[in-house]
Protein backbone atom coordinates (compact mmCIF):
# COMPACT_ATOMS: atom_id res chain seq x y z
CA MET A 1 0.00 0.00 0.00
CA LYS A 2 2.84 2.37 0.87
CA GLN A 3 4.51 1.68 -2.50
CA LEU A 4 1.27 2.40 -4.36
CA TYR A 5 0.86 5.71 -2.51
CA SER A 6 4.47 6.69 -3.32
CA ALA A 7 4.01 5.77 -6.99
CA VAL A 8 0.80 7.82 -7.27
CA LEU A 9 2.45 10.77 -5.52
CA ALA A 10 5.54 10.62 -7.76
CA THR A 11 3.41 10.38 -10.91
CA SER A 12 1.29 13.34 -9.79
CA LEU A 13 4.34 15.47 -9.07
CA ILE A 14 5.89 14.68 -12.45
CA PHE A 15 2.63 15.60 -14.20
CA ILE A 16 2.26 18.88 -12.29
CA LEU A 17 5.87 19.92 -12.83
CA SER A 18 5.76 19.15 -16.55
CA ALA A 19 2.34 20.76 -17.13
CA ALA A 20 3.05 24.06 -15.32
CA PRO A 21 5.27 25.53 -18.08
CA LEU A 22 2.66 24.62 -20.69
CA PHE A 23 -0.01 26.60 -18.86
CA ALA A 24 2.34 29.57 -18.50
CA VAL A 25 3.07 29.60 -22.24
CA THR A 26 -0.61 29.60 -23.18
CA GLU A 27 -1.47 32.46 -20.81
CA GLU A 28 -2.99 35.33 -22.77
CA ASP A 29 -2.16 38.99 -22.24
CA PRO A 30 -5.42 40.71 -21.24
CA CYS A 31 -3.88 44.11 -22.08
CA GLU A 32 -2.84 43.16 -25.61
CA LEU A 33 -5.96 44.53 -27.31
CA GLN A 34 -6.61 47.63 -25.20
CA GLY A 35 -3.03 48.52 -24.26
CA ILE A 36 -1.76 49.69 -20.90
CA MET A 37 -2.89 53.04 -19.54
CA VAL A 38 -0.01 55.00 -17.96
CA ARG A 39 -0.84 57.82 -15.54
CA ASN A 40 1.44 60.77 -14.87
CA THR A 41 1.71 61.04 -11.06
CA THR A 42 5.08 62.83 -11.05
CA MET A 43 3.60 66.17 -9.89
CA LEU A 44 5.02 67.62 -13.14
CA ASP A 45 3.75 68.24 -16.61
CA LEU A 46 5.86 66.11 -18.95
CA TRP A 47 5.99 65.60 -22.73
CA TYR A 48 6.14 62.44 -24.81
CA LYS A 49 6.72 61.17 -28.32
CA LYS A 50 4.96 58.03 -29.50
CA LYS A 51 6.96 56.05 -32.08
CA GLY A 52 9.14 59.09 -32.73
CA GLY A 53 6.09 61.20 -33.68
CA GLU A 54 5.22 64.71 -32.61
CA CYS A 55 5.98 66.07 -29.15
CA SER A 56 2.78 66.04 -27.03
CA ILE A 57 2.18 67.40 -23.55
CA TRP A 58 1.43 64.89 -20.81
CA ILE A 59 -0.30 66.89 -18.11
CA HIS A 60 0.02 65.82 -14.48
CA GLU A 61 -2.63 63.19 -13.58
CA HIS A 62 -3.46 62.52 -17.26
CA LEU A 63 -3.07 59.19 -19.06
CA PHE A 64 -1.59 57.84 -22.25
CA THR A 65 -1.97 54.33 -23.64
CA ILE A 66 0.92 52.17 -24.77
CA ASN A 67 0.28 49.14 -26.97
CA THR A 68 2.48 46.20 -27.82
CA GLY A 69 5.12 47.29 -30.29
CA ASP A 70 4.86 50.98 -29.30
CA SER A 71 7.80 52.99 -28.09
CA ILE A 72 7.09 56.10 -26.07
CA ASP A 73 9.84 58.47 -25.01
CA ILE A 74 9.06 60.71 -22.02
CA PHE A 75 10.67 64.14 -21.79
CA SER A 76 10.95 66.85 -19.14
CA ASP A 77 11.02 69.76 -21.61
CA LEU A 78 8.46 71.07 -24.06
CA ASN A 79 10.67 70.60 -27.14
CA CYS A 80 11.26 66.89 -26.34
CA GLN A 81 15.03 67.14 -26.04
CA THR A 82 15.68 66.09 -22.42
CA LEU A 83 14.63 62.54 -21.53
CA TYR A 84 12.81 62.24 -18.20
CA CYS A 85 13.48 58.50 -17.92
CA LYS A 86 17.07 57.29 -18.32
CA ASN A 87 15.85 54.03 -19.83
CA THR A 88 12.80 54.32 -22.03
CA PRO A 89 10.23 51.85 -20.65
CA ALA A 90 8.59 49.62 -23.26
CA TYR A 91 5.21 47.87 -23.18
CA LYS A 92 6.71 44.80 -21.47
CA ASP A 93 8.21 47.00 -18.73
CA TYR A 94 4.87 48.65 -17.97
CA LYS A 95 3.18 45.23 -18.14
CA SER A 96 5.60 43.80 -15.57
CA PHE A 97 4.41 46.38 -13.01
CA ASP A 98 0.70 45.68 -13.64
CA THR A 99 0.42 43.20 -10.78
CA ASN A 100 -3.38 43.25 -10.49
CA GLY A 101 -3.99 42.78 -14.24
CA ASN A 102 -6.17 45.87 -14.77
CA CYS A 103 -3.86 47.26 -17.52
CA ARG A 104 -3.17 50.46 -15.57
CA VAL A 105 0.13 51.70 -14.12
CA ARG A 106 1.51 55.05 -13.03
CA ILE A 107 4.79 56.86 -13.27
CA LEU A 108 5.99 58.36 -10.02
CA PRO A 109 8.78 60.92 -9.58
CA ASP A 110 12.20 59.88 -10.95
CA CYS A 111 10.49 57.60 -13.50
CA ASN A 112 9.54 54.95 -10.95
CA ILE A 113 6.72 52.78 -12.26
CA SER A 114 4.03 51.43 -9.95
CA ASP A 115 0.77 49.51 -10.29
CA MET A 116 -2.43 51.52 -10.17
């Protein structure tokens, strides 16, 4: 009886350990279609360029949306010359901070990203 229990336990553990990566791979990104909303909570008005486009103001407490494949540079000056963030966060960076899965994050002072 003890050998049967051990065999069943070992088989179950092997199945669970081999199936876990498969479930992780098939996990869908709920933010893929709508993008991730990023809120400016820096206490400053900032500016941004989406995919190298025109320089747009990003008023304090306002949002912009970043989608997969987008690149958005954030600047501290109105002519978009001085980067606010040393490393330009990409979609995957914002996504990594969205711990509750609601597709919303915020940028705090010094370009610190936090879930919202």
